[in-house]
Amino acid sequence: FYVNIGGGEPTVRPDFWELVDYATE
């Protein structure tokens, strides 16, 4: 039901927000 995303600094991945949107969808 949820995942903890980290890194590194995850927001520096160019597709980070795309993946966040895909997960919540």
PDBML (XML) file of the C-alpha atoms, coordinates in Angstrom:
<?xml version="1.0" encoding="UTF-8" ?>
<PDBx:datablock datablockName="MODEL"
   xmlns:PDBx="http://pdbml.pdb.org/schema/pdbx-v50.xsd"
   xmlns:xsi="http://www.w3.org/2001/XMLSchema-instance"
   xsi:schemaLocation="http://pdbml.pdb.org/schema/pdbx-v50.xsd pdbx-v50.xsd">
   <PDBx:atom_siteCategory>
      <PDBx:atom_site id="1">
         <PDBx:B_iso_or_equiv>0.00</PDBx:B_iso_or_equiv>
         <PDBx:Cartn_x>0.000</PDBx:Cartn_x>
         <PDBx:Cartn_y>0.000</PDBx:Cartn_y>
         <PDBx:Cartn_z>0.000</PDBx:Cartn_z>
         <PDBx:auth_asym_id>A</PDBx:auth_asym_id>
         <PDBx:auth_atom_id>CA</PDBx:auth_atom_id>
         <PDBx:auth_comp_id>PHE</PDBx:auth_comp_id>
         <PDBx:auth_seq_id>1</PDBx:auth_seq_id>
         <PDBx:group_PDB>ATOM</PDBx:group_PDB>
         <PDBx:label_alt_id xsi:nil="true" />
         <PDBx:label_asym_id>A</PDBx:label_asym_id>
         <PDBx:label_atom_id>CA</PDBx:label_atom_id>
         <PDBx:label_comp_id>PHE</PDBx:label_comp_id>
         <PDBx:label_entity_id>1</PDBx:label_entity_id>
         <PDBx:label_seq_id>1</PDBx:label_seq_id>
         <PDBx:occupancy>1.00</PDBx:occupancy>
         <PDBx:pdbx_PDB_model_num>1</PDBx:pdbx_PDB_model_num>
         <PDBx:type_symbol>C</PDBx:type_symbol>
      </PDBx:atom_site>
      <PDBx:atom_site id="2">
         <PDBx:B_iso_or_equiv>0.00</PDBx:B_iso_or_equiv>
         <PDBx:Cartn_x>2.975</PDBx:Cartn_x>
         <PDBx:Cartn_y>2.343</PDBx:Cartn_y>
         <PDBx:Cartn_z>0.210</PDBx:Cartn_z>
         <PDBx:auth_asym_id>A</PDBx:auth_asym_id>
         <PDBx:auth_atom_id>CA</PDBx:auth_atom_id>
         <PDBx:auth_comp_id>TYR</PDBx:auth_comp_id>
         <PDBx:auth_seq_id>2</PDBx:auth_seq_id>
         <PDBx:group_PDB>ATOM</PDBx:group_PDB>
         <PDBx:label_alt_id xsi:nil="true" />
         <PDBx:label_asym_id>A</PDBx:label_asym_id>
         <PDBx:label_atom_id>CA</PDBx:label_atom_id>
         <PDBx:label_comp_id>TYR</PDBx:label_comp_id>
         <PDBx:label_entity_id>1</PDBx:label_entity_id>
         <PDBx:label_seq_id>2</PDBx:label_seq_id>
         <PDBx:occupancy>1.00</PDBx:occupancy>
         <PDBx:pdbx_PDB_model_num>1</PDBx:pdbx_PDB_model_num>
         <PDBx:type_symbol>C</PDBx:type_symbol>
      </PDBx:atom_site>
      <PDBx:atom_site id="3">
         <PDBx:B_iso_or_equiv>0.00</PDBx:B_iso_or_equiv>
         <PDBx:Cartn_x>6.693</PDBx:Cartn_x>
         <PDBx:Cartn_y>2.552</PDBx:Cartn_y>
         <PDBx:Cartn_z>-0.432</PDBx:Cartn_z>
         <PDBx:auth_asym_id>A</PDBx:auth_asym_id>
         <PDBx:auth_atom_id>CA</PDBx:auth_atom_id>
         <PDBx:auth_comp_id>VAL</PDBx:auth_comp_id>
         <PDBx:auth_seq_id>3</PDBx:auth_seq_id>
         <PDBx:group_PDB>ATOM</PDBx:group_PDB>
         <PDBx:label_alt_id xsi:nil="true" />
         <PDBx:label_asym_id>A</PDBx:label_asym_id>
         <PDBx:label_atom_id>CA</PDBx:label_atom_id>
         <PDBx:label_comp_id>VAL</PDBx:label_comp_id>
         <PDBx:label_entity_id>1</PDBx:label_entity_id>
         <PDBx:label_seq_id>3</PDBx:label_seq_id>
         <PDBx:occupancy>1.00</PDBx:occupancy>
         <PDBx:pdbx_PDB_model_num>1</PDBx:pdbx_PDB_model_num>
         <PDBx:type_symbol>C</PDBx:type_symbol>
      </PDBx:atom_site>
      <PDBx:atom_site id="4">
         <PDBx:B_iso_or_equiv>0.00</PDBx:B_iso_or_equiv>
         <PDBx:Cartn_x>9.457</PDBx:Cartn_x>
         <PDBx:Cartn_y>4.579</PDBx:Cartn_y>
         <PDBx:Cartn_z>1.223</PDBx:Cartn_z>
         <PDBx:auth_asym_id>A</PDBx:auth_asym_id>
         <PDBx:auth_atom_id>CA</PDBx:auth_atom_id>
         <PDBx:auth_comp_id>ASN</PDBx:auth_comp_id>
         <PDBx:auth_seq_id>4</PDBx:auth_seq_id>
         <PDBx:group_PDB>ATOM</PDBx:group_PDB>
         <PDBx:label_alt_id xsi:nil="true" />
         <PDBx:label_asym_id>A</PDBx:label_asym_id>
         <PDBx:label_atom_id>CA</PDBx:label_atom_id>
         <PDBx:label_comp_id>ASN</PDBx:label_comp_id>
         <PDBx:label_entity_id>1</PDBx:label_entity_id>
         <PDBx:label_seq_id>4</PDBx:label_seq_id>
         <PDBx:occupancy>1.00</PDBx:occupancy>
         <PDBx:pdbx_PDB_model_num>1</PDBx:pdbx_PDB_model_num>
         <PDBx:type_symbol>C</PDBx:type_symbol>
      </PDBx:atom_site>
      <PDBx:atom_site id="5">
         <PDBx:B_iso_or_equiv>0.00</PDBx:B_iso_or_equiv>
         <PDBx:Cartn_x>11.492</PDBx:Cartn_x>
         <PDBx:Cartn_y>6.163</PDBx:Cartn_y>
         <PDBx:Cartn_z>-1.554</PDBx:Cartn_z>
         <PDBx:auth_asym_id>A</PDBx:auth_asym_id>
         <PDBx:auth_atom_id>CA</PDBx:auth_atom_id>
         <PDBx:auth_comp_id>ILE</PDBx:auth_comp_id>
         <PDBx:auth_seq_id>5</PDBx:auth_seq_id>
         <PDBx:group_PDB>ATOM</PDBx:group_PDB>
         <PDBx:label_alt_id xsi:nil="true" />
         <PDBx:label_asym_id>A</PDBx:label_asym_id>
         <PDBx:label_atom_id>CA</PDBx:label_atom_id>
         <PDBx:label_comp_id>ILE</PDBx:label_comp_id>
         <PDBx:label_entity_id>1</PDBx:label_entity_id>
         <PDBx:label_seq_id>5</PDBx:label_seq_id>
         <PDBx:occupancy>1.00</PDBx:occupancy>
         <PDBx:pdbx_PDB_model_num>1</PDBx:pdbx_PDB_model_num>
         <PDBx:type_symbol>C</PDBx:type_symbol>
      </PDBx:atom_site>
      <PDBx:atom_site id="6">
         <PDBx:B_iso_or_equiv>0.00</PDBx:B_iso_or_equiv>
         <PDBx:Cartn_x>14.994</PDBx:Cartn_x>
         <PDBx:Cartn_y>7.332</PDBx:Cartn_y>
         <PDBx:Cartn_z>-0.812</PDBx:Cartn_z>
         <PDBx:auth_asym_id>A</PDBx:auth_asym_id>
         <PDBx:auth_atom_id>CA</PDBx:auth_atom_id>
         <PDBx:auth_comp_id>GLY</PDBx:auth_comp_id>
         <PDBx:auth_seq_id>6</PDBx:auth_seq_id>
         <PDBx:group_PDB>ATOM</PDBx:group_PDB>
         <PDBx:label_alt_id xsi:nil="true" />
         <PDBx:label_asym_id>A</PDBx:label_asym_id>
         <PDBx:label_atom_id>CA</PDBx:label_atom_id>
         <PDBx:label_comp_id>GLY</PDBx:label_comp_id>
         <PDBx:label_entity_id>1</PDBx:label_entity_id>
         <PDBx:label_seq_id>6</PDBx:label_seq_id>
         <PDBx:occupancy>1.00</PDBx:occupancy>
         <PDBx:pdbx_PDB_model_num>1</PDBx:pdbx_PDB_model_num>
         <PDBx:type_symbol>C</PDBx:type_symbol>
      </PDBx:atom_site>
      <PDBx:atom_site id="7">
         <PDBx:B_iso_or_equiv>0.00</PDBx:B_iso_or_equiv>
         <PDBx:Cartn_x>18.505</PDBx:Cartn_x>
         <PDBx:Cartn_y>7.356</PDBx:Cartn_y>
         <PDBx:Cartn_z>-2.163</PDBx:Cartn_z>
         <PDBx:auth_asym_id>A</PDBx:auth_asym_id>
         <PDBx:auth_atom_id>CA</PDBx:auth_atom_id>
         <PDBx:auth_comp_id>GLY</PDBx:auth_comp_id>
         <PDBx:auth_seq_id>7</PDBx:auth_seq_id>
         <PDBx:group_PDB>ATOM</PDBx:group_PDB>
         <PDBx:label_alt_id xsi:nil="true" />
         <PDBx:label_asym_id>A</PDBx:label_asym_id>
         <PDBx:label_atom_id>CA</PDBx:label_atom_id>
         <PDBx:label_comp_id>GLY</PDBx:label_comp_id>
         <PDBx:label_entity_id>1</PDBx:label_entity_id>
         <PDBx:label_seq_id>7</PDBx:label_seq_id>
         <PDBx:occupancy>1.00</PDBx:occupancy>
         <PDBx:pdbx_PDB_model_num>1</PDBx:pdbx_PDB_model_num>
         <PDBx:type_symbol>C</PDBx:type_symbol>
      </PDBx:atom_site>
      <PDBx:atom_site id="8">
         <PDBx:B_iso_or_equiv>0.00</PDBx:B_iso_or_equiv>
         <PDBx:Cartn_x>20.800</PDBx:Cartn_x>
         <PDBx:Cartn_y>9.137</PDBx:Cartn_y>
         <PDBx:Cartn_z>-2.661</PDBx:Cartn_z>
         <PDBx:auth_asym_id>A</PDBx:auth_asym_id>
         <PDBx:auth_atom_id>CA</PDBx:auth_atom_id>
         <PDBx:auth_comp_id>GLY</PDBx:auth_comp_id>
         <PDBx:auth_seq_id>8</PDBx:auth_seq_id>
         <PDBx:group_PDB>ATOM</PDBx:group_PDB>
         <PDBx:label_alt_id xsi:nil="true" />
         <PDBx:label_asym_id>A</PDBx:label_asym_id>
         <PDBx:label_atom_id>CA</PDBx:label_atom_id>
         <PDBx:label_comp_id>GLY</PDBx:label_comp_id>
         <PDBx:label_entity_id>1</PDBx:label_entity_id>
         <PDBx:label_seq_id>8</PDBx:label_seq_id>
         <PDBx:occupancy>1.00</PDBx:occupancy>
         <PDBx:pdbx_PDB_model_num>1</PDBx:pdbx_PDB_model_num>
         <PDBx:type_symbol>C</PDBx:type_symbol>
      </PDBx:atom_site>
      <PDBx:atom_site id="9">
         <PDBx:B_iso_or_equiv>0.00</PDBx:B_iso_or_equiv>
         <PDBx:Cartn_x>18.621</PDBx:Cartn_x>
         <PDBx:Cartn_y>12.142</PDBx:Cartn_y>
         <PDBx:Cartn_z>-3.269</PDBx:Cartn_z>
         <PDBx:auth_asym_id>A</PDBx:auth_asym_id>
         <PDBx:auth_atom_id>CA</PDBx:auth_atom_id>
         <PDBx:auth_comp_id>GLU</PDBx:auth_comp_id>
         <PDBx:auth_seq_id>9</PDBx:auth_seq_id>
         <PDBx:group_PDB>ATOM</PDBx:group_PDB>
         <PDBx:label_alt_id xsi:nil="true" />
         <PDBx:label_asym_id>A</PDBx:label_asym_id>
         <PDBx:label_atom_id>CA</PDBx:label_atom_id>
         <PDBx:label_comp_id>GLU</PDBx:label_comp_id>
         <PDBx:label_entity_id>1</PDBx:label_entity_id>
         <PDBx:label_seq_id>9</PDBx:label_seq_id>
         <PDBx:occupancy>1.00</PDBx:occupancy>
         <PDBx:pdbx_PDB_model_num>1</PDBx:pdbx_PDB_model_num>
         <PDBx:type_symbol>C</PDBx:type_symbol>
      </PDBx:atom_site>
      <PDBx:atom_site id="10">
         <PDBx:B_iso_or_equiv>0.00</PDBx:B_iso_or_equiv>
         <PDBx:Cartn_x>15.631</PDBx:Cartn_x>
         <PDBx:Cartn_y>10.723</PDBx:Cartn_y>
         <PDBx:Cartn_z>-5.170</PDBx:Cartn_z>
         <PDBx:auth_asym_id>A</PDBx:auth_asym_id>
         <PDBx:auth_atom_id>CA</PDBx:auth_atom_id>
         <PDBx:auth_comp_id>PRO</PDBx:auth_comp_id>
         <PDBx:auth_seq_id>10</PDBx:auth_seq_id>
         <PDBx:group_PDB>ATOM</PDBx:group_PDB>
         <PDBx:label_alt_id xsi:nil="true" />
         <PDBx:label_asym_id>A</PDBx:label_asym_id>
         <PDBx:label_atom_id>CA</PDBx:label_atom_id>
         <PDBx:label_comp_id>PRO</PDBx:label_comp_id>
         <PDBx:label_entity_id>1</PDBx:label_entity_id>
         <PDBx:label_seq_id>10</PDBx:label_seq_id>
         <PDBx:occupancy>1.00</PDBx:occupancy>
         <PDBx:pdbx_PDB_model_num>1</PDBx:pdbx_PDB_model_num>
         <PDBx:type_symbol>C</PDBx:type_symbol>
      </PDBx:atom_site>
      <PDBx:atom_site id="11">
         <PDBx:B_iso_or_equiv>0.00</PDBx:B_iso_or_equiv>
         <PDBx:Cartn_x>14.379</PDBx:Cartn_x>
         <PDBx:Cartn_y>14.047</PDBx:Cartn_y>
         <PDBx:Cartn_z>-6.530</PDBx:Cartn_z>
         <PDBx:auth_asym_id>A</PDBx:auth_asym_id>
         <PDBx:auth_atom_id>CA</PDBx:auth_atom_id>
         <PDBx:auth_comp_id>THR</PDBx:auth_comp_id>
         <PDBx:auth_seq_id>11</PDBx:auth_seq_id>
         <PDBx:group_PDB>ATOM</PDBx:group_PDB>
         <PDBx:label_alt_id xsi:nil="true" />
         <PDBx:label_asym_id>A</PDBx:label_asym_id>
         <PDBx:label_atom_id>CA</PDBx:label_atom_id>
         <PDBx:label_comp_id>THR</PDBx:label_comp_id>
         <PDBx:label_entity_id>1</PDBx:label_entity_id>
         <PDBx:label_seq_id>11</PDBx:label_seq_id>
         <PDBx:occupancy>1.00</PDBx:occupancy>
         <PDBx:pdbx_PDB_model_num>1</PDBx:pdbx_PDB_model_num>
         <PDBx:type_symbol>C</PDBx:type_symbol>
      </PDBx:atom_site>
      <PDBx:atom_site id="12">
         <PDBx:B_iso_or_equiv>0.00</PDBx:B_iso_or_equiv>
         <PDBx:Cartn_x>17.463</PDBx:Cartn_x>
         <PDBx:Cartn_y>14.447</PDBx:Cartn_y>
         <PDBx:Cartn_z>-8.732</PDBx:Cartn_z>
         <PDBx:auth_asym_id>A</PDBx:auth_asym_id>
         <PDBx:auth_atom_id>CA</PDBx:auth_atom_id>
         <PDBx:auth_comp_id>VAL</PDBx:auth_comp_id>
         <PDBx:auth_seq_id>12</PDBx:auth_seq_id>
         <PDBx:group_PDB>ATOM</PDBx:group_PDB>
         <PDBx:label_alt_id xsi:nil="true" />
         <PDBx:label_asym_id>A</PDBx:label_asym_id>
         <PDBx:label_atom_id>CA</PDBx:label_atom_id>
         <PDBx:label_comp_id>VAL</PDBx:label_comp_id>
         <PDBx:label_entity_id>1</PDBx:label_entity_id>
         <PDBx:label_seq_id>12</PDBx:label_seq_id>
         <PDBx:occupancy>1.00</PDBx:occupancy>
         <PDBx:pdbx_PDB_model_num>1</PDBx:pdbx_PDB_model_num>
         <PDBx:type_symbol>C</PDBx:type_symbol>
      </PDBx:atom_site>
      <PDBx:atom_site id="13">
         <PDBx:B_iso_or_equiv>0.00</PDBx:B_iso_or_equiv>
         <PDBx:Cartn_x>16.294</PDBx:Cartn_x>
         <PDBx:Cartn_y>11.565</PDBx:Cartn_y>
         <PDBx:Cartn_z>-10.920</PDBx:Cartn_z>
         <PDBx:auth_asym_id>A</PDBx:auth_asym_id>
         <PDBx:auth_atom_id>CA</PDBx:auth_atom_id>
         <PDBx:auth_comp_id>ARG</PDBx:auth_comp_id>
         <PDBx:auth_seq_id>13</PDBx:auth_seq_id>
         <PDBx:group_PDB>ATOM</PDBx:group_PDB>
         <PDBx:label_alt_id xsi:nil="true" />
         <PDBx:label_asym_id>A</PDBx:label_asym_id>
         <PDBx:label_atom_id>CA</PDBx:label_atom_id>
         <PDBx:label_comp_id>ARG</PDBx:label_comp_id>
         <PDBx:label_entity_id>1</PDBx:label_entity_id>
         <PDBx:label_seq_id>13</PDBx:label_seq_id>
         <PDBx:occupancy>1.00</PDBx:occupancy>
         <PDBx:pdbx_PDB_model_num>1</PDBx:pdbx_PDB_model_num>
         <PDBx:type_symbol>C</PDBx:type_symbol>
      </PDBx:atom_site>
      <PDBx:atom_site id="14">
         <PDBx:B_iso_or_equiv>0.00</PDBx:B_iso_or_equiv>
         <PDBx:Cartn_x>14.831</PDBx:Cartn_x>
         <PDBx:Cartn_y>13.209</PDBx:Cartn_y>
         <PDBx:Cartn_z>-14.026</PDBx:Cartn_z>
         <PDBx:auth_asym_id>A</PDBx:auth_asym_id>
         <PDBx:auth_atom_id>CA</PDBx:auth_atom_id>
         <PDBx:auth_comp_id>PRO</PDBx:auth_comp_id>
         <PDBx:auth_seq_id>14</PDBx:auth_seq_id>
         <PDBx:group_PDB>ATOM</PDBx:group_PDB>
         <PDBx:label_alt_id xsi:nil="true" />
         <PDBx:label_asym_id>A</PDBx:label_asym_id>
         <PDBx:label_atom_id>CA</PDBx:label_atom_id>
         <PDBx:label_comp_id>PRO</PDBx:label_comp_id>
         <PDBx:label_entity_id>1</PDBx:label_entity_id>
         <PDBx:label_seq_id>14</PDBx:label_seq_id>
         <PDBx:occupancy>1.00</PDBx:occupancy>
         <PDBx:pdbx_PDB_model_num>1</PDBx:pdbx_PDB_model_num>
         <PDBx:type_symbol>C</PDBx:type_symbol>
      </PDBx:atom_site>
      <PDBx:atom_site id="15">
         <PDBx:B_iso_or_equiv>0.00</PDBx:B_iso_or_equiv>
         <PDBx:Cartn_x>11.827</PDBx:Cartn_x>
         <PDBx:Cartn_y>10.878</PDBx:Cartn_y>
         <PDBx:Cartn_z>-13.929</PDBx:Cartn_z>
         <PDBx:auth_asym_id>A</PDBx:auth_asym_id>
         <PDBx:auth_atom_id>CA</PDBx:auth_atom_id>
         <PDBx:auth_comp_id>ASP</PDBx:auth_comp_id>
         <PDBx:auth_seq_id>15</PDBx:auth_seq_id>
         <PDBx:group_PDB>ATOM</PDBx:group_PDB>
         <PDBx:label_alt_id xsi:nil="true" />
         <PDBx:label_asym_id>A</PDBx:label_asym_id>
         <PDBx:label_atom_id>CA</PDBx:label_atom_id>
         <PDBx:label_comp_id>ASP</PDBx:label_comp_id>
         <PDBx:label_entity_id>1</PDBx:label_entity_id>
         <PDBx:label_seq_id>15</PDBx:label_seq_id>
         <PDBx:occupancy>1.00</PDBx:occupancy>
         <PDBx:pdbx_PDB_model_num>1</PDBx:pdbx_PDB_model_num>
         <PDBx:type_symbol>C</PDBx:type_symbol>
      </PDBx:atom_site>
      <PDBx:atom_site id="16">
         <PDBx:B_iso_or_equiv>0.00</PDBx:B_iso_or_equiv>
         <PDBx:Cartn_x>11.186</PDBx:Cartn_x>
         <PDBx:Cartn_y>11.138</PDBx:Cartn_y>
         <PDBx:Cartn_z>-10.187</PDBx:Cartn_z>
         <PDBx:auth_asym_id>A</PDBx:auth_asym_id>
         <PDBx:auth_atom_id>CA</PDBx:auth_atom_id>
         <PDBx:auth_comp_id>PHE</PDBx:auth_comp_id>
         <PDBx:auth_seq_id>16</PDBx:auth_seq_id>
         <PDBx:group_PDB>ATOM</PDBx:group_PDB>
         <PDBx:label_alt_id xsi:nil="true" />
         <PDBx:label_asym_id>A</PDBx:label_asym_id>
         <PDBx:label_atom_id>CA</PDBx:label_atom_id>
         <PDBx:label_comp_id>PHE</PDBx:label_comp_id>
         <PDBx:label_entity_id>1</PDBx:label_entity_id>
         <PDBx:label_seq_id>16</PDBx:label_seq_id>
         <PDBx:occupancy>1.00</PDBx:occupancy>
         <PDBx:pdbx_PDB_model_num>1</PDBx:pdbx_PDB_model_num>
         <PDBx:type_symbol>C</PDBx:type_symbol>
      </PDBx:atom_site>
      <PDBx:atom_site id="17">
         <PDBx:B_iso_or_equiv>0.00</PDBx:B_iso_or_equiv>
         <PDBx:Cartn_x>7.879</PDBx:Cartn_x>
         <PDBx:Cartn_y>13.014</PDBx:Cartn_y>
         <PDBx:Cartn_z>-10.375</PDBx:Cartn_z>
         <PDBx:auth_asym_id>A</PDBx:auth_asym_id>
         <PDBx:auth_atom_id>CA</PDBx:auth_atom_id>
         <PDBx:auth_comp_id>TRP</PDBx:auth_comp_id>
         <PDBx:auth_seq_id>17</PDBx:auth_seq_id>
         <PDBx:group_PDB>ATOM</PDBx:group_PDB>
         <PDBx:label_alt_id xsi:nil="true" />
         <PDBx:label_asym_id>A</PDBx:label_asym_id>
         <PDBx:label_atom_id>CA</PDBx:label_atom_id>
         <PDBx:label_comp_id>TRP</PDBx:label_comp_id>
         <PDBx:label_entity_id>1</PDBx:label_entity_id>
         <PDBx:label_seq_id>17</PDBx:label_seq_id>
         <PDBx:occupancy>1.00</PDBx:occupancy>
         <PDBx:pdbx_PDB_model_num>1</PDBx:pdbx_PDB_model_num>
         <PDBx:type_symbol>C</PDBx:type_symbol>
      </PDBx:atom_site>
      <PDBx:atom_site id="18">
         <PDBx:B_iso_or_equiv>0.00</PDBx:B_iso_or_equiv>
         <PDBx:Cartn_x>6.703</PDBx:Cartn_x>
         <PDBx:Cartn_y>10.816</PDBx:Cartn_y>
         <PDBx:Cartn_z>-13.233</PDBx:Cartn_z>
         <PDBx:auth_asym_id>A</PDBx:auth_asym_id>
         <PDBx:auth_atom_id>CA</PDBx:auth_atom_id>
         <PDBx:auth_comp_id>GLU</PDBx:auth_comp_id>
         <PDBx:auth_seq_id>18</PDBx:auth_seq_id>
         <PDBx:group_PDB>ATOM</PDBx:group_PDB>
         <PDBx:label_alt_id xsi:nil="true" />
         <PDBx:label_asym_id>A</PDBx:label_asym_id>
         <PDBx:label_atom_id>CA</PDBx:label_atom_id>
         <PDBx:label_comp_id>GLU</PDBx:label_comp_id>
         <PDBx:label_entity_id>1</PDBx:label_entity_id>
         <PDBx:label_seq_id>18</PDBx:label_seq_id>
         <PDBx:occupancy>1.00</PDBx:occupancy>
         <PDBx:pdbx_PDB_model_num>1</PDBx:pdbx_PDB_model_num>
         <PDBx:type_symbol>C</PDBx:type_symbol>
      </PDBx:atom_site>
      <PDBx:atom_site id="19">
         <PDBx:B_iso_or_equiv>0.00</PDBx:B_iso_or_equiv>
         <PDBx:Cartn_x>7.323</PDBx:Cartn_x>
         <PDBx:Cartn_y>7.734</PDBx:Cartn_y>
         <PDBx:Cartn_z>-11.060</PDBx:Cartn_z>
         <PDBx:auth_asym_id>A</PDBx:auth_asym_id>
         <PDBx:auth_atom_id>CA</PDBx:auth_atom_id>
         <PDBx:auth_comp_id>LEU</PDBx:auth_comp_id>
         <PDBx:auth_seq_id>19</PDBx:auth_seq_id>
         <PDBx:group_PDB>ATOM</PDBx:group_PDB>
         <PDBx:label_alt_id xsi:nil="true" />
         <PDBx:label_asym_id>A</PDBx:label_asym_id>
         <PDBx:label_atom_id>CA</PDBx:label_atom_id>
         <PDBx:label_comp_id>LEU</PDBx:label_comp_id>
         <PDBx:label_entity_id>1</PDBx:label_entity_id>
         <PDBx:label_seq_id>19</PDBx:label_seq_id>
         <PDBx:occupancy>1.00</PDBx:occupancy>
         <PDBx:pdbx_PDB_model_num>1</PDBx:pdbx_PDB_model_num>
         <PDBx:type_symbol>C</PDBx:type_symbol>
      </PDBx:atom_site>
      <PDBx:atom_site id="20">
         <PDBx:B_iso_or_equiv>0.00</PDBx:B_iso_or_equiv>
         <PDBx:Cartn_x>5.593</PDBx:Cartn_x>
         <PDBx:Cartn_y>9.289</PDBx:Cartn_y>
         <PDBx:Cartn_z>-8.048</PDBx:Cartn_z>
         <PDBx:auth_asym_id>A</PDBx:auth_asym_id>
         <PDBx:auth_atom_id>CA</PDBx:auth_atom_id>
         <PDBx:auth_comp_id>VAL</PDBx:auth_comp_id>
         <PDBx:auth_seq_id>20</PDBx:auth_seq_id>
         <PDBx:group_PDB>ATOM</PDBx:group_PDB>
         <PDBx:label_alt_id xsi:nil="true" />
         <PDBx:label_asym_id>A</PDBx:label_asym_id>
         <PDBx:label_atom_id>CA</PDBx:label_atom_id>
         <PDBx:label_comp_id>VAL</PDBx:label_comp_id>
         <PDBx:label_entity_id>1</PDBx:label_entity_id>
         <PDBx:label_seq_id>20</PDBx:label_seq_id>
         <PDBx:occupancy>1.00</PDBx:occupancy>
         <PDBx:pdbx_PDB_model_num>1</PDBx:pdbx_PDB_model_num>
         <PDBx:type_symbol>C</PDBx:type_symbol>
      </PDBx:atom_site>
      <PDBx:atom_site id="21">
         <PDBx:B_iso_or_equiv>0.00</PDBx:B_iso_or_equiv>
         <PDBx:Cartn_x>2.519</PDBx:Cartn_x>
         <PDBx:Cartn_y>10.051</PDBx:Cartn_y>
         <PDBx:Cartn_z>-10.168</PDBx:Cartn_z>
         <PDBx:auth_asym_id>A</PDBx:auth_asym_id>
         <PDBx:auth_atom_id>CA</PDBx:auth_atom_id>
         <PDBx:auth_comp_id>ASP</PDBx:auth_comp_id>
         <PDBx:auth_seq_id>21</PDBx:auth_seq_id>
         <PDBx:group_PDB>ATOM</PDBx:group_PDB>
         <PDBx:label_alt_id xsi:nil="true" />
         <PDBx:label_asym_id>A</PDBx:label_asym_id>
         <PDBx:label_atom_id>CA</PDBx:label_atom_id>
         <PDBx:label_comp_id>ASP</PDBx:label_comp_id>
         <PDBx:label_entity_id>1</PDBx:label_entity_id>
         <PDBx:label_seq_id>21</PDBx:label_seq_id>
         <PDBx:occupancy>1.00</PDBx:occupancy>
         <PDBx:pdbx_PDB_model_num>1</PDBx:pdbx_PDB_model_num>
         <PDBx:type_symbol>C</PDBx:type_symbol>
      </PDBx:atom_site>
      <PDBx:atom_site id="22">
         <PDBx:B_iso_or_equiv>0.00</PDBx:B_iso_or_equiv>
         <PDBx:Cartn_x>2.581</PDBx:Cartn_x>
         <PDBx:Cartn_y>6.557</PDBx:Cartn_y>
         <PDBx:Cartn_z>-11.666</PDBx:Cartn_z>
         <PDBx:auth_asym_id>A</PDBx:auth_asym_id>
         <PDBx:auth_atom_id>CA</PDBx:auth_atom_id>
         <PDBx:auth_comp_id>TYR</PDBx:auth_comp_id>
         <PDBx:auth_seq_id>22</PDBx:auth_seq_id>
         <PDBx:group_PDB>ATOM</PDBx:group_PDB>
         <PDBx:label_alt_id xsi:nil="true" />
         <PDBx:label_asym_id>A</PDBx:label_asym_id>
         <PDBx:label_atom_id>CA</PDBx:label_atom_id>
         <PDBx:label_comp_id>TYR</PDBx:label_comp_id>
         <PDBx:label_entity_id>1</PDBx:label_entity_id>
         <PDBx:label_seq_id>22</PDBx:label_seq_id>
         <PDBx:occupancy>1.00</PDBx:occupancy>
         <PDBx:pdbx_PDB_model_num>1</PDBx:pdbx_PDB_model_num>
         <PDBx:type_symbol>C</PDBx:type_symbol>
      </PDBx:atom_site>
      <PDBx:atom_site id="23">
         <PDBx:B_iso_or_equiv>0.00</PDBx:B_iso_or_equiv>
         <PDBx:Cartn_x>2.769</PDBx:Cartn_x>
         <PDBx:Cartn_y>4.935</PDBx:Cartn_y>
         <PDBx:Cartn_z>-8.225</PDBx:Cartn_z>
         <PDBx:auth_asym_id>A</PDBx:auth_asym_id>
         <PDBx:auth_atom_id>CA</PDBx:auth_atom_id>
         <PDBx:auth_comp_id>ALA</PDBx:auth_comp_id>
         <PDBx:auth_seq_id>23</PDBx:auth_seq_id>
         <PDBx:group_PDB>ATOM</PDBx:group_PDB>
         <PDBx:label_alt_id xsi:nil="true" />
         <PDBx:label_asym_id>A</PDBx:label_asym_id>
         <PDBx:label_atom_id>CA</PDBx:label_atom_id>
         <PDBx:label_comp_id>ALA</PDBx:label_comp_id>
         <PDBx:label_entity_id>1</PDBx:label_entity_id>
         <PDBx:label_seq_id>23</PDBx:label_seq_id>
         <PDBx:occupancy>1.00</PDBx:occupancy>
         <PDBx:pdbx_PDB_model_num>1</PDBx:pdbx_PDB_model_num>
         <PDBx:type_symbol>C</PDBx:type_symbol>
      </PDBx:atom_site>
      <PDBx:atom_site id="24">
         <PDBx:B_iso_or_equiv>0.00</PDBx:B_iso_or_equiv>
         <PDBx:Cartn_x>-0.124</PDBx:Cartn_x>
         <PDBx:Cartn_y>6.915</PDBx:Cartn_y>
         <PDBx:Cartn_z>-6.752</PDBx:Cartn_z>
         <PDBx:auth_asym_id>A</PDBx:auth_asym_id>
         <PDBx:auth_atom_id>CA</PDBx:auth_atom_id>
         <PDBx:auth_comp_id>THR</PDBx:auth_comp_id>
         <PDBx:auth_seq_id>24</PDBx:auth_seq_id>
         <PDBx:group_PDB>ATOM</PDBx:group_PDB>
         <PDBx:label_alt_id xsi:nil="true" />
         <PDBx:label_asym_id>A</PDBx:label_asym_id>
         <PDBx:label_atom_id>CA</PDBx:label_atom_id>
         <PDBx:label_comp_id>THR</PDBx:label_comp_id>
         <PDBx:label_entity_id>1</PDBx:label_entity_id>
         <PDBx:label_seq_id>24</PDBx:label_seq_id>
         <PDBx:occupancy>1.00</PDBx:occupancy>
         <PDBx:pdbx_PDB_model_num>1</PDBx:pdbx_PDB_model_num>
         <PDBx:type_symbol>C</PDBx:type_symbol>
      </PDBx:atom_site>
      <PDBx:atom_site id="25">
         <PDBx:B_iso_or_equiv>0.00</PDBx:B_iso_or_equiv>
         <PDBx:Cartn_x>-2.221</PDBx:Cartn_x>
         <PDBx:Cartn_y>6.293</PDBx:Cartn_y>
         <PDBx:Cartn_z>-9.863</PDBx:Cartn_z>
         <PDBx:auth_asym_id>A</PDBx:auth_asym_id>
         <PDBx:auth_atom_id>CA</PDBx:auth_atom_id>
         <PDBx:auth_comp_id>GLU</PDBx:auth_comp_id>
         <PDBx:auth_seq_id>25</PDBx:auth_seq_id>
         <PDBx:group_PDB>ATOM</PDBx:group_PDB>
         <PDBx:label_alt_id xsi:nil="true" />
         <PDBx:label_asym_id>A</PDBx:label_asym_id>
         <PDBx:label_atom_id>CA</PDBx:label_atom_id>
         <PDBx:label_comp_id>GLU</PDBx:label_comp_id>
         <PDBx:label_entity_id>1</PDBx:label_entity_id>
         <PDBx:label_seq_id>25</PDBx:label_seq_id>
         <PDBx:occupancy>1.00</PDBx:occupancy>
         <PDBx:pdbx_PDB_model_num>1</PDBx:pdbx_PDB_model_num>
         <PDBx:type_symbol>C</PDBx:type_symbol>
      </PDBx:atom_site>
   </PDBx:atom_siteCategory>
</PDBx:datablock>
